[in-house]
Amino acid sequence: MLTFEESQQAINQLIDELPPEIFKGLNCGVALTQDTLYGVNGLLILGQYHVEPHGLGRYVTINYGSICTAYGHLNQEGFREKLKETLHHELTHHLEHLAGDRTLEKKDALDIRKMLGLQ
């Protein structure tokens, strides 16, 4: 597992590895939070893509507390990989939103239904 500070450094490095075009329109950036969040379905929320109403901003949050709860048993490299997966997942939501595509959103809904045994 990584500390919060190490996770922040890892997120910054992961961001630096990506082409700047990916962040177009993500005017409020990426934030690592201490939060441990659960959805109404009881599942952990590892990260979120946010679109504020009235064009106030788009941003990504990565929930360190949620990732620790789910993956705190992993070594540093495994934990870093989960941070990377979460960041890339949320950035994909951003890019699809800009393109008017909801493919990942629909896949997420289907995956959640499967995890809950509803499909």
PDB file of N, CA and C in Angstrom:
ATOM      1  N   MET A   1       0.848  -1.180   0.000  1.00  0.00           N
ATOM      2  CA  MET A   1       0.000   0.000   0.000  1.00  0.00           C
ATOM      3  C   MET A   1       0.893   1.243   0.000  1.00  0.00           C
ATOM      4  N   LEU A   2       0.387   2.323  -0.510  1.00  0.00           N
ATOM      5  CA  LEU A   2       1.077   3.608  -0.488  1.00  0.00           C
ATOM      6  C   LEU A   2       0.407   4.538   0.513  1.00  0.00           C
ATOM      7  N   THR A   3       1.184   5.424   1.102  1.00  0.00           N
ATOM      8  CA  THR A   3       0.595   6.452   1.954  1.00  0.00           C
ATOM      9  C   THR A   3      -0.175   7.433   1.073  1.00  0.00           C
ATOM     10  N   PHE A   4      -0.928   8.318   1.699  1.00  0.00           N
ATOM     11  CA  PHE A   4      -1.659   9.331   0.944  1.00  0.00           C
ATOM     12  C   PHE A   4      -0.685  10.190   0.140  1.00  0.00           C
ATOM     13  N   GLU A   5       0.400  10.617   0.771  1.00  0.00           N
ATOM     14  CA  GLU A   5       1.379  11.464   0.091  1.00  0.00           C
ATOM     15  C   GLU A   5       2.030  10.716  -1.070  1.00  0.00           C
ATOM     16  N   GLU A   6       2.380   9.452  -0.876  1.00  0.00           N
ATOM     17  CA  GLU A   6       2.954   8.652  -1.958  1.00  0.00           C
ATOM     18  C   GLU A   6       1.944   8.454  -3.088  1.00  0.00           C
ATOM     19  N   SER A   7       0.684   8.304  -2.725  1.00  0.00           N
ATOM     20  CA  SER A   7      -0.370   8.155  -3.730  1.00  0.00           C
ATOM     21  C   SER A   7      -0.532   9.439  -4.532  1.00  0.00           C
ATOM     22  N   GLN A   8      -0.436  10.584  -3.862  1.00  0.00           N
ATOM     23  CA  GLN A   8      -0.506  11.872  -4.568  1.00  0.00           C
ATOM     24  C   GLN A   8       0.645  11.993  -5.563  1.00  0.00           C
ATOM     25  N   GLN A   9       1.831  11.606  -5.138  1.00  0.00           N
ATOM     26  CA  GLN A   9       2.990  11.631  -6.046  1.00  0.00           C
ATOM     27  C   GLN A   9       2.774  10.685  -7.221  1.00  0.00           C
ATOM     28  N   ALA A  10       2.235   9.512  -6.941  1.00  0.00           N
ATOM     29  CA  ALA A  10       1.974   8.533  -8.007  1.00  0.00           C
ATOM     30  C   ALA A  10       0.950   9.082  -9.003  1.00  0.00           C
ATOM     31  N   ILE A  11      -0.120   9.693  -8.512  1.00  0.00           N
ATOM     32  CA  ILE A  11      -1.138  10.282  -9.388  1.00  0.00           C
ATOM     33  C   ILE A  11      -0.507  11.365 -10.266  1.00  0.00           C
ATOM     34  N   ASN A  12       0.317  12.214  -9.665  1.00  0.00           N
ATOM     35  CA  ASN A  12       0.979  13.267 -10.433  1.00  0.00           C
ATOM     36  C   ASN A  12       1.870  12.685 -11.525  1.00  0.00           C
ATOM     37  N   GLN A  13       2.597  11.620 -11.204  1.00  0.00           N
ATOM     38  CA  GLN A  13       3.449  10.966 -12.203  1.00  0.00           C
ATOM     39  C   GLN A  13       2.605  10.348 -13.310  1.00  0.00           C
ATOM     40  N   LEU A  14       1.517   9.717 -12.941  1.00  0.00           N
ATOM     41  CA  LEU A  14       0.626   9.111 -13.935  1.00  0.00           C
ATOM     42  C   LEU A  14       0.035  10.171 -14.862  1.00  0.00           C
ATOM     43  N   ILE A  15      -0.328  11.305 -14.310  1.00  0.00           N
ATOM     44  CA  ILE A  15      -0.856  12.409 -15.116  1.00  0.00           C
ATOM     45  C   ILE A  15       0.207  12.897 -16.095  1.00  0.00           C
ATOM     46  N   ASP A  16       1.438  13.040 -15.600  1.00  0.00           N
ATOM     47  CA  ASP A  16       2.533  13.520 -16.449  1.00  0.00           C
ATOM     48  C   ASP A  16       2.839  12.567 -17.598  1.00  0.00           C
ATOM     49  N   GLU A  17       2.518  11.284 -17.447  1.00  0.00           N
ATOM     50  CA  GLU A  17       2.780  10.287 -18.488  1.00  0.00           C
ATOM     51  C   GLU A  17       1.748  10.339 -19.618  1.00  0.00           C
ATOM     52  N   LEU A  18       0.641  11.019 -19.396  1.00  0.00           N
ATOM     53  CA  LEU A  18      -0.445  11.040 -20.376  1.00  0.00           C
ATOM     54  C   LEU A  18      -0.342  12.260 -21.285  1.00  0.00           C
ATOM     55  N   PRO A  19      -0.845  12.143 -22.513  1.00  0.00           N
ATOM     56  CA  PRO A  19      -0.849  13.298 -23.410  1.00  0.00           C
ATOM     57  C   PRO A  19      -1.724  14.421 -22.854  1.00  0.00           C
ATOM     58  N   PRO A  20      -1.283  15.660 -22.971  1.00  0.00           N
ATOM     59  CA  PRO A  20      -2.055  16.784 -22.424  1.00  0.00           C
ATOM     60  C   PRO A  20      -3.454  16.911 -23.024  1.00  0.00           C
ATOM     61  N   GLU A  21      -3.657  16.420 -24.239  1.00  0.00           N
ATOM     62  CA  GLU A  21      -4.970  16.514 -24.887  1.00  0.00           C
ATOM     63  C   GLU A  21      -6.060  15.807 -24.086  1.00  0.00           C
ATOM     64  N   ILE A  22      -5.685  14.807 -23.336  1.00  0.00           N
ATOM     65  CA  ILE A  22      -6.660  14.065 -22.522  1.00  0.00           C
ATOM     66  C   ILE A  22      -7.330  14.980 -21.506  1.00  0.00           C
ATOM     67  N   PHE A  23      -6.622  16.009 -21.079  1.00  0.00           N
ATOM     68  CA  PHE A  23      -7.116  16.880 -20.013  1.00  0.00           C
ATOM     69  C   PHE A  23      -7.854  18.104 -20.534  1.00  0.00           C
ATOM     70  N   LYS A  24      -8.029  18.172 -21.846  1.00  0.00           N
ATOM     71  CA  LYS A  24      -8.769  19.286 -22.441  1.00  0.00           C
ATOM     72  C   LYS A  24     -10.194  19.290 -21.871  1.00  0.00           C
ATOM     73  N   GLY A  25     -10.617  20.432 -21.385  1.00  0.00           N
ATOM     74  CA  GLY A  25     -11.958  20.545 -20.824  1.00  0.00           C
ATOM     75  C   GLY A  25     -12.072  20.078 -19.384  1.00  0.00           C
ATOM     76  N   LEU A  26     -11.029  19.501 -18.839  1.00  0.00           N
ATOM     77  CA  LEU A  26     -11.038  19.072 -17.437  1.00  0.00           C
ATOM     78  C   LEU A  26     -10.481  20.242 -16.622  1.00  0.00           C
ATOM     79  N   ASN A  27     -11.255  21.325 -16.597  1.00  0.00           N
ATOM     80  CA  ASN A  27     -10.739  22.589 -16.106  1.00  0.00           C
ATOM     81  C   ASN A  27     -10.492  22.642 -14.599  1.00  0.00           C
ATOM     82  N   CYS A  28     -11.011  21.706 -13.856  1.00  0.00           N
ATOM     83  CA  CYS A  28     -10.754  21.681 -12.411  1.00  0.00           C
ATOM     84  C   CYS A  28      -9.806  20.549 -12.015  1.00  0.00           C
ATOM     85  N   GLY A  29      -9.270  19.815 -13.007  1.00  0.00           N
ATOM     86  CA  GLY A  29      -8.197  18.862 -12.771  1.00  0.00           C
ATOM     87  C   GLY A  29      -8.589  17.552 -12.112  1.00  0.00           C
ATOM     88  N   VAL A  30      -7.590  16.973 -11.455  1.00  0.00           N
ATOM     89  CA  VAL A  30      -7.709  15.679 -10.772  1.00  0.00           C
ATOM     90  C   VAL A  30      -7.340  15.889  -9.313  1.00  0.00           C
ATOM     91  N   ALA A  31      -8.170  15.385  -8.417  1.00  0.00           N
ATOM     92  CA  ALA A  31      -7.910  15.527  -6.984  1.00  0.00           C
ATOM     93  C   ALA A  31      -7.925  14.159  -6.311  1.00  0.00           C
ATOM     94  N   LEU A  32      -6.930  13.915  -5.484  1.00  0.00           N
ATOM     95  CA  LEU A  32      -6.916  12.738  -4.625  1.00  0.00           C
ATOM     96  C   LEU A  32      -7.539  13.162  -3.303  1.00  0.00           C
ATOM     97  N   THR A  33      -8.586  12.453  -2.885  1.00  0.00           N
ATOM     98  CA  THR A  33      -9.251  12.780  -1.619  1.00  0.00           C
ATOM     99  C   THR A  33      -8.974  11.684  -0.594  1.00  0.00           C
ATOM    100  N   GLN A  34      -9.181  11.993   0.662  1.00  0.00           N
ATOM    101  CA  GLN A  34      -9.059  11.005   1.743  1.00  0.00           C
ATOM    102  C   GLN A  34     -10.319  10.152   1.869  1.00  0.00           C
ATOM    103  N   ASP A  35     -11.334  10.468   1.098  1.00  0.00           N
ATOM    104  CA  ASP A  35     -12.670   9.896   1.264  1.00  0.00           C
ATOM    105  C   ASP A  35     -12.734   8.385   1.056  1.00  0.00           C
ATOM    106  N   THR A  36     -13.582   7.773   1.866  1.00  0.00           N
ATOM    107  CA  THR A  36     -14.046   6.404   1.650  1.00  0.00           C
ATOM    108  C   THR A  36     -15.530   6.550   1.361  1.00  0.00           C
ATOM    109  N   LEU A  37     -15.897   6.335   0.089  1.00  0.00           N
ATOM    110  CA  LEU A  37     -17.281   6.549  -0.311  1.00  0.00           C
ATOM    111  C   LEU A  37     -17.939   5.256  -0.756  1.00  0.00           C
ATOM    112  N   TYR A  38     -19.216   5.133  -0.423  1.00  0.00           N
ATOM    113  CA  TYR A  38     -20.031   4.008  -0.848  1.00  0.00           C
ATOM    114  C   TYR A  38     -21.210   4.538  -1.646  1.00  0.00           C
ATOM    115  N   GLY A  39     -21.562   3.838  -2.702  1.00  0.00           N
ATOM    116  CA  GLY A  39     -22.750   4.186  -3.466  1.00  0.00           C
ATOM    117  C   GLY A  39     -23.993   3.729  -2.729  1.00  0.00           C
ATOM    118  N   VAL A  40     -25.151   4.119  -3.228  1.00  0.00           N
ATOM    119  CA  VAL A  40     -26.417   3.717  -2.612  1.00  0.00           C
ATOM    120  C   VAL A  40     -26.581   2.202  -2.657  1.00  0.00           C
ATOM    121  N   ASN A  41     -25.837   1.544  -3.548  1.00  0.00           N
ATOM    122  CA  ASN A  41     -25.884   0.092  -3.665  1.00  0.00           C
ATOM    123  C   ASN A  41     -24.943  -0.606  -2.689  1.00  0.00           C
ATOM    124  N   GLY A  42     -24.206   0.176  -1.895  1.00  0.00           N
ATOM    125  CA  GLY A  42     -23.286  -0.386  -0.910  1.00  0.00           C
ATOM    126  C   GLY A  42     -21.897  -0.680  -1.439  1.00  0.00           C
ATOM    127  N   LEU A  43     -21.657  -0.462  -2.716  1.00  0.00           N
ATOM    128  CA  LEU A  43     -20.343  -0.711  -3.308  1.00  0.00           C
ATOM    129  C   LEU A  43     -19.439   0.501  -3.138  1.00  0.00           C
ATOM    130  N   LEU A  44     -18.153   0.238  -2.941  1.00  0.00           N
ATOM    131  CA  LEU A  44     -17.182   1.318  -2.818  1.00  0.00           C
ATOM    132  C   LEU A  44     -17.095   2.128  -4.109  1.00  0.00           C
ATOM    133  N   ILE A  45     -16.898   3.408  -3.962  1.00  0.00           N
ATOM    134  CA  ILE A  45     -16.680   4.301  -5.100  1.00  0.00           C
ATOM    135  C   ILE A  45     -15.202   4.676  -5.084  1.00  0.00           C
ATOM    136  N   LEU A  46     -14.444   4.133  -6.036  1.00  0.00           N
ATOM    137  CA  LEU A  46     -13.000   4.359  -6.078  1.00  0.00           C
ATOM    138  C   LEU A  46     -12.660   5.728  -6.653  1.00  0.00           C
ATOM    139  N   GLY A  47     -13.448   6.170  -7.596  1.00  0.00           N
ATOM    140  CA  GLY A  47     -13.206   7.464  -8.223  1.00  0.00           C
ATOM    141  C   GLY A  47     -14.484   7.960  -8.860  1.00  0.00           C
ATOM    142  N   GLN A  48     -14.484   9.231  -9.221  1.00  0.00           N
ATOM    143  CA  GLN A  48     -15.670   9.810  -9.842  1.00  0.00           C
ATOM    144  C   GLN A  48     -15.260  10.880 -10.850  1.00  0.00           C
ATOM    145  N   TYR A  49     -16.056  10.949 -11.918  1.00  0.00           N
ATOM    146  CA  TYR A  49     -15.935  12.040 -12.873  1.00  0.00           C
ATOM    147  C   TYR A  49     -17.092  12.987 -12.594  1.00  0.00           C
ATOM    148  N   HIS A  50     -16.784  14.247 -12.385  1.00  0.00           N
ATOM    149  CA  HIS A  50     -17.784  15.242 -12.013  1.00  0.00           C
ATOM    150  C   HIS A  50     -17.967  16.268 -13.127  1.00  0.00           C
ATOM    151  N   VAL A  51     -19.208  16.576 -13.417  1.00  0.00           N
ATOM    152  CA  VAL A  51     -19.553  17.665 -14.325  1.00  0.00           C
ATOM    153  C   VAL A  51     -20.488  18.574 -13.542  1.00  0.00           C
ATOM    154  N   GLU A  52     -19.982  19.735 -13.199  1.00  0.00           N
ATOM    155  CA  GLU A  52     -20.778  20.676 -12.420  1.00  0.00           C
ATOM    156  C   GLU A  52     -21.798  21.361 -13.329  1.00  0.00           C
ATOM    157  N   PRO A  53     -22.983  21.619 -12.818  1.00  0.00           N
ATOM    158  CA  PRO A  53     -24.009  22.271 -13.638  1.00  0.00           C
ATOM    159  C   PRO A  53     -23.605  23.686 -14.043  1.00  0.00           C
ATOM    160  N   HIS A  54     -24.203  24.142 -15.098  1.00  0.00           N
ATOM    161  CA  HIS A  54     -24.014  25.500 -15.601  1.00  0.00           C
ATOM    162  C   HIS A  54     -22.579  25.760 -16.060  1.00  0.00           C
ATOM    163  N   GLY A  55     -21.877  24.699 -16.444  1.00  0.00           N
ATOM    164  CA  GLY A  55     -20.534  24.859 -16.989  1.00  0.00           C
ATOM    165  C   GLY A  55     -19.492  25.324 -15.994  1.00  0.00           C
ATOM    166  N   LEU A  56     -19.735  25.090 -14.709  1.00  0.00           N
ATOM    167  CA  LEU A  56     -18.792  25.555 -13.689  1.00  0.00           C
ATOM    168  C   LEU A  56     -17.507  24.740 -13.644  1.00  0.00           C
ATOM    169  N   GLY A  57     -17.539  23.533 -14.151  1.00  0.00           N
ATOM    170  CA  GLY A  57     -16.295  22.788 -14.177  1.00  0.00           C
ATOM    171  C   GLY A  57     -16.462  21.297 -14.302  1.00  0.00           C
ATOM    172  N   ARG A  58     -15.392  20.691 -14.773  1.00  0.00           N
ATOM    173  CA  ARG A  58     -15.287  19.236 -14.864  1.00  0.00           C
ATOM    174  C   ARG A  58     -14.026  18.831 -14.116  1.00  0.00           C
ATOM    175  N   TYR A  59     -14.142  17.748 -13.340  1.00  0.00           N
ATOM    176  CA  TYR A  59     -12.972  17.280 -12.607  1.00  0.00           C
ATOM    177  C   TYR A  59     -13.131  15.816 -12.235  1.00  0.00           C
ATOM    178  N   VAL A  60     -12.011  15.233 -11.839  1.00  0.00           N
ATOM    179  CA  VAL A  60     -11.962  13.834 -11.422  1.00  0.00           C
ATOM    180  C   VAL A  60     -11.517  13.798  -9.969  1.00  0.00           C
ATOM    181  N   THR A  61     -12.171  12.945  -9.183  1.00  0.00           N
ATOM    182  CA  THR A  61     -11.688  12.666  -7.831  1.00  0.00           C
ATOM    183  C   THR A  61     -11.325  11.187  -7.753  1.00  0.00           C
ATOM    184  N   ILE A  62     -10.208  10.931  -7.092  1.00  0.00           N
ATOM    185  CA  ILE A  62      -9.765   9.578  -6.791  1.00  0.00           C
ATOM    186  C   ILE A  62      -9.861   9.454  -5.274  1.00  0.00           C
ATOM    187  N   ASN A  63     -10.627   8.477  -4.795  1.00  0.00           N
ATOM    188  CA  ASN A  63     -10.923   8.341  -3.368  1.00  0.00           C
ATOM    189  C   ASN A  63      -9.935   7.378  -2.709  1.00  0.00           C
ATOM    190  N   TYR A  64      -8.891   7.946  -2.123  1.00  0.00           N
ATOM    191  CA  TYR A  64      -7.834   7.169  -1.489  1.00  0.00           C
ATOM    192  C   TYR A  64      -8.390   6.216  -0.428  1.00  0.00           C
ATOM    193  N   GLY A  65      -9.290   6.697   0.399  1.00  0.00           N
ATOM    194  CA  GLY A  65      -9.859   5.849   1.451  1.00  0.00           C
ATOM    195  C   GLY A  65     -10.570   4.632   0.886  1.00  0.00           C
ATOM    196  N   SER A  66     -11.303   4.817  -0.204  1.00  0.00           N
ATOM    197  CA  SER A  66     -11.995   3.694  -0.846  1.00  0.00           C
ATOM    198  C   SER A  66     -10.999   2.701  -1.425  1.00  0.00           C
ATOM    199  N   ILE A  67      -9.950   3.220  -2.055  1.00  0.00           N
ATOM    200  CA  ILE A  67      -8.940   2.326  -2.637  1.00  0.00           C
ATOM    201  C   ILE A  67      -8.208   1.569  -1.534  1.00  0.00           C
ATOM    202  N   CYS A  68      -7.942   2.233  -0.408  1.00  0.00           N
ATOM    203  CA  CYS A  68      -7.314   1.543   0.735  1.00  0.00           C
ATOM    204  C   CYS A  68      -8.214   0.434   1.268  1.00  0.00           C
ATOM    205  N   THR A  69      -9.499   0.727   1.366  1.00  0.00           N
ATOM    206  CA  THR A  69     -10.445  -0.269   1.874  1.00  0.00           C
ATOM    207  C   THR A  69     -10.468  -1.488   0.960  1.00  0.00           C
ATOM    208  N   ALA A  70     -10.479  -1.252  -0.353  1.00  0.00           N
ATOM    209  CA  ALA A  70     -10.567  -2.351  -1.309  1.00  0.00           C
ATOM    210  C   ALA A  70      -9.223  -3.037  -1.551  1.00  0.00           C
ATOM    211  N   TYR A  71      -8.150  -2.274  -1.551  1.00  0.00           N
ATOM    212  CA  TYR A  71      -6.864  -2.802  -2.017  1.00  0.00           C
ATOM    213  C   TYR A  71      -5.706  -2.528  -1.062  1.00  0.00           C
ATOM    214  N   GLY A  72      -5.995  -2.201   0.172  1.00  0.00           N
ATOM    215  CA  GLY A  72      -4.950  -1.908   1.148  1.00  0.00           C
ATOM    216  C   GLY A  72      -4.005  -3.068   1.411  1.00  0.00           C
ATOM    217  N   HIS A  73      -4.408  -4.256   1.029  1.00  0.00           N
ATOM    218  CA  HIS A  73      -3.577  -5.448   1.231  1.00  0.00           C
ATOM    219  C   HIS A  73      -2.487  -5.592   0.165  1.00  0.00           C
ATOM    220  N   LEU A  74      -2.568  -4.804  -0.900  1.00  0.00           N
ATOM    221  CA  LEU A  74      -1.610  -4.927  -1.994  1.00  0.00           C
ATOM    222  C   LEU A  74      -0.274  -4.273  -1.651  1.00  0.00           C
ATOM    223  N   ASN A  75       0.782  -4.764  -2.310  1.00  0.00           N
ATOM    224  CA  ASN A  75       2.074  -4.111  -2.152  1.00  0.00           C
ATOM    225  C   ASN A  75       2.054  -2.770  -2.878  1.00  0.00           C
ATOM    226  N   GLN A  76       3.136  -2.034  -2.787  1.00  0.00           N
ATOM    227  CA  GLN A  76       3.158  -0.689  -3.356  1.00  0.00           C
ATOM    228  C   GLN A  76       2.893  -0.684  -4.858  1.00  0.00           C
ATOM    229  N   GLU A  77       3.477  -1.601  -5.586  1.00  0.00           N
ATOM    230  CA  GLU A  77       3.283  -1.634  -7.039  1.00  0.00           C
ATOM    231  C   GLU A  77       1.842  -1.997  -7.393  1.00  0.00           C
ATOM    232  N   GLY A  78       1.268  -2.956  -6.689  1.00  0.00           N
ATOM    233  CA  GLY A  78      -0.120  -3.335  -6.929  1.00  0.00           C
ATOM    234  C   GLY A  78      -1.070  -2.194  -6.608  1.00  0.00           C
ATOM    235  N   PHE A  79      -0.797  -1.481  -5.526  1.00  0.00           N
ATOM    236  CA  PHE A  79      -1.628  -0.343  -5.129  1.00  0.00           C
ATOM    237  C   PHE A  79      -1.520   0.769  -6.160  1.00  0.00           C
ATOM    238  N   ARG A  80      -0.298   1.022  -6.644  1.00  0.00           N
ATOM    239  CA  ARG A  80      -0.092   2.043  -7.681  1.00  0.00           C
ATOM    240  C   ARG A  80      -0.874   1.669  -8.945  1.00  0.00           C
ATOM    241  N   GLU A  81      -0.911   0.392  -9.266  1.00  0.00           N
ATOM    242  CA  GLU A  81      -1.648  -0.062 -10.446  1.00  0.00           C
ATOM    243  C   GLU A  81      -3.149   0.213 -10.281  1.00  0.00           C
ATOM    244  N   LYS A  82      -3.691   0.049  -9.080  1.00  0.00           N
ATOM    245  CA  LYS A  82      -5.111   0.346  -8.839  1.00  0.00           C
ATOM    246  C   LYS A  82      -5.380   1.845  -8.948  1.00  0.00           C
ATOM    247  N   LEU A  83      -4.436   2.665  -8.486  1.00  0.00           N
ATOM    248  CA  LEU A  83      -4.573   4.108  -8.679  1.00  0.00           C
ATOM    249  C   LEU A  83      -4.606   4.435 -10.174  1.00  0.00           C
ATOM    250  N   LYS A  84      -3.708   3.804 -10.926  1.00  0.00           N
ATOM    251  CA  LYS A  84      -3.639   4.030 -12.372  1.00  0.00           C
ATOM    252  C   LYS A  84      -4.931   3.589 -13.054  1.00  0.00           C
ATOM    253  N   GLU A  85      -5.424   2.407 -12.720  1.00  0.00           N
ATOM    254  CA  GLU A  85      -6.671   1.910 -13.310  1.00  0.00           C
ATOM    255  C   GLU A  85      -7.826   2.873 -13.024  1.00  0.00           C
ATOM    256  N   THR A  86      -7.893   3.351 -11.800  1.00  0.00           N
ATOM    257  CA  THR A  86      -8.978   4.249 -11.413  1.00  0.00           C
ATOM    258  C   THR A  86      -8.869   5.575 -12.150  1.00  0.00           C
ATOM    259  N   LEU A  87      -7.664   6.135 -12.215  1.00  0.00           N
ATOM    260  CA  LEU A  87      -7.453   7.384 -12.934  1.00  0.00           C
ATOM    261  C   LEU A  87      -7.839   7.235 -14.401  1.00  0.00           C
ATOM    262  N   HIS A  88      -7.354   6.192 -15.041  1.00  0.00           N
ATOM    263  CA  HIS A  88      -7.650   5.984 -16.461  1.00  0.00           C
ATOM    264  C   HIS A  88      -9.149   5.768 -16.694  1.00  0.00           C
ATOM    265  N   HIS A  89      -9.793   5.053 -15.787  1.00  0.00           N
ATOM    266  CA  HIS A  89     -11.234   4.814 -15.896  1.00  0.00           C
ATOM    267  C   HIS A  89     -11.990   6.149 -15.868  1.00  0.00           C
ATOM    268  N   GLU A  90     -11.655   6.993 -14.904  1.00  0.00           N
ATOM    269  CA  GLU A  90     -12.367   8.269 -14.776  1.00  0.00           C
ATOM    270  C   GLU A  90     -12.048   9.208 -15.936  1.00  0.00           C
ATOM    271  N   LEU A  91     -10.822   9.182 -16.418  1.00  0.00           N
ATOM    272  CA  LEU A  91     -10.474  10.002 -17.579  1.00  0.00           C
ATOM    273  C   LEU A  91     -11.202   9.516 -18.829  1.00  0.00           C
ATOM    274  N   THR A  92     -11.453   8.216 -18.913  1.00  0.00           N
ATOM    275  CA  THR A  92     -12.238   7.688 -20.029  1.00  0.00           C
ATOM    276  C   THR A  92     -13.663   8.232 -19.964  1.00  0.00           C
ATOM    277  N   HIS A  93     -14.232   8.308 -18.762  1.00  0.00           N
ATOM    278  CA  HIS A  93     -15.551   8.934 -18.614  1.00  0.00           C
ATOM    279  C   HIS A  93     -15.513  10.369 -19.143  1.00  0.00           C
ATOM    280  N   HIS A  94     -14.459  11.098 -18.809  1.00  0.00           N
ATOM    281  CA  HIS A  94     -14.323  12.489 -19.260  1.00  0.00           C
ATOM    282  C   HIS A  94     -14.292  12.559 -20.787  1.00  0.00           C
ATOM    283  N   LEU A  95     -13.451  11.752 -21.399  1.00  0.00           N
ATOM    284  CA  LEU A  95     -13.322  11.793 -22.857  1.00  0.00           C
ATOM    285  C   LEU A  95     -14.616  11.380 -23.541  1.00  0.00           C
ATOM    286  N   GLU A  96     -15.273  10.365 -23.003  1.00  0.00           N
ATOM    287  CA  GLU A  96     -16.545   9.940 -23.586  1.00  0.00           C
ATOM    288  C   GLU A  96     -17.611  11.022 -23.416  1.00  0.00           C
ATOM    289  N   HIS A  97     -17.611  11.694 -22.285  1.00  0.00           N
ATOM    290  CA  HIS A  97     -18.579  12.768 -22.069  1.00  0.00           C
ATOM    291  C   HIS A  97     -18.388  13.868 -23.110  1.00  0.00           C
ATOM    292  N   LEU A  98     -17.145  14.239 -23.360  1.00  0.00           N
ATOM    293  CA  LEU A  98     -16.863  15.263 -24.370  1.00  0.00           C
ATOM    294  C   LEU A  98     -17.327  14.829 -25.753  1.00  0.00           C
ATOM    295  N   ALA A  99     -17.250  13.520 -26.016  1.00  0.00           N
ATOM    296  CA  ALA A  99     -17.623  12.990 -27.328  1.00  0.00           C
ATOM    297  C   ALA A  99     -19.109  12.651 -27.430  1.00  0.00           C
ATOM    298  N   GLY A 100     -19.843  12.802 -26.328  1.00  0.00           N
ATOM    299  CA  GLY A 100     -21.255  12.442 -26.344  1.00  0.00           C
ATOM    300  C   GLY A 100     -21.477  10.937 -26.349  1.00  0.00           C
ATOM    301  N   ASP A 101     -20.528  10.202 -25.831  1.00  0.00           N
ATOM    302  CA  ASP A 101     -20.577   8.738 -25.803  1.00  0.00           C
ATOM    303  C   ASP A 101     -20.819   8.282 -24.370  1.00  0.00           C
ATOM    304  N   ARG A 102     -21.643   7.262 -24.185  1.00  0.00           N
ATOM    305  CA  ARG A 102     -21.950   6.757 -22.836  1.00  0.00           C
ATOM    306  C   ARG A 102     -21.572   5.287 -22.681  1.00  0.00           C
ATOM    307  N   THR A 103     -20.656   4.798 -23.511  1.00  0.00           N
ATOM    308  CA  THR A 103     -20.300   3.379 -23.505  1.00  0.00           C
ATOM    309  C   THR A 103     -19.811   2.911 -22.135  1.00  0.00           C
ATOM    310  N   LEU A 104     -18.839   3.607 -21.561  1.00  0.00           N
ATOM    311  CA  LEU A 104     -18.300   3.187 -20.270  1.00  0.00           C
ATOM    312  C   LEU A 104     -19.341   3.319 -19.168  1.00  0.00           C
ATOM    313  N   GLU A 105     -20.141   4.355 -19.215  1.00  0.00           N
ATOM    314  CA  GLU A 105     -21.211   4.532 -18.228  1.00  0.00           C
ATOM    315  C   GLU A 105     -22.166   3.338 -18.252  1.00  0.00           C
ATOM    316  N   LYS A 106     -22.533   2.895 -19.455  1.00  0.00           N
ATOM    317  CA  LYS A 106     -23.425   1.736 -19.580  1.00  0.00           C
ATOM    318  C   LYS A 106     -22.743   0.460 -19.106  1.00  0.00           C
ATOM    319  N   LYS A 107     -21.445   0.302 -19.432  1.00  0.00           N
ATOM    320  CA  LYS A 107     -20.698  -0.875 -18.980  1.00  0.00           C
ATOM    321  C   LYS A 107     -20.621  -0.899 -17.453  1.00  0.00           C
ATOM    322  N   ASP A 108     -20.362   0.260 -16.849  1.00  0.00           N
ATOM    323  CA  ASP A 108     -20.318   0.343 -15.380  1.00  0.00           C
ATOM    324  C   ASP A 108     -21.641  -0.093 -14.767  1.00  0.00           C
ATOM    325  N   ALA A 109     -22.747   0.382 -15.326  1.00  0.00           N
ATOM    326  CA  ALA A 109     -24.068   0.017 -14.799  1.00  0.00           C
ATOM    327  C   ALA A 109     -24.291  -1.487 -14.897  1.00  0.00           C
ATOM    328  N   LEU A 110     -23.890  -2.081 -16.000  1.00  0.00           N
ATOM    329  CA  LEU A 110     -24.019  -3.527 -16.182  1.00  0.00           C
ATOM    330  C   LEU A 110     -23.129  -4.281 -15.192  1.00  0.00           C
ATOM    331  N   ASP A 111     -21.895  -3.819 -15.025  1.00  0.00           N
ATOM    332  CA  ASP A 111     -20.973  -4.461 -14.080  1.00  0.00           C
ATOM    333  C   ASP A 111     -21.512  -4.398 -12.651  1.00  0.00           C
ATOM    334  N   ILE A 112     -22.097  -3.267 -12.276  1.00  0.00           N
ATOM    335  CA  ILE A 112     -22.668  -3.126 -10.935  1.00  0.00           C
ATOM    336  C   ILE A 112     -23.824  -4.095 -10.753  1.00  0.00           C
ATOM    337  N   ARG A 113     -24.677  -4.201 -11.751  1.00  0.00           N
ATOM    338  CA  ARG A 113     -25.801  -5.149 -11.671  1.00  0.00           C
ATOM    339  C   ARG A 113     -25.276  -6.573 -11.475  1.00  0.00           C
ATOM    340  N   LYS A 114     -24.227  -6.932 -12.183  1.00  0.00           N
ATOM    341  CA  LYS A 114     -23.636  -8.265 -12.045  1.00  0.00           C
ATOM    342  C   LYS A 114     -23.068  -8.469 -10.640  1.00  0.00           C
ATOM    343  N   MET A 115     -22.354  -7.458 -10.112  1.00  0.00           N
ATOM    344  CA  MET A 115     -21.775  -7.573  -8.780  1.00  0.00           C
ATOM    345  C   MET A 115     -22.852  -7.750  -7.717  1.00  0.00           C
ATOM    346  N   LEU A 116     -24.005  -7.138  -7.953  1.00  0.00           N
ATOM    347  CA  LEU A 116     -25.115  -7.224  -7.008  1.00  0.00           C
ATOM    348  C   LEU A 116     -25.994  -8.452  -7.247  1.00  0.00           C
ATOM    349  N   GLY A 117     -25.612  -9.249  -8.240  1.00  0.00           N
ATOM    350  CA  GLY A 117     -26.368 -10.454  -8.540  1.00  0.00           C
ATOM    351  C   GLY A 117     -27.715 -10.192  -9.182  1.00  0.00           C
ATOM    352  N   LEU A 118     -27.830  -9.071  -9.881  1.00  0.00           N
ATOM    353  CA  LEU A 118     -29.103  -8.699 -10.509  1.00  0.00           C
ATOM    354  C   LEU A 118     -29.148  -9.085 -11.979  1.00  0.00           C
ATOM    355  N   GLN A 119     -28.092  -9.717 -12.457  1.00  0.00           N
ATOM    356  CA  GLN A 119     -28.073 -10.121 -13.857  1.00  0.00           C
ATOM    357  C   GLN A 119     -27.277 -11.374 -14.048  1.00  0.00           C
TER     358      GLN A 119
END
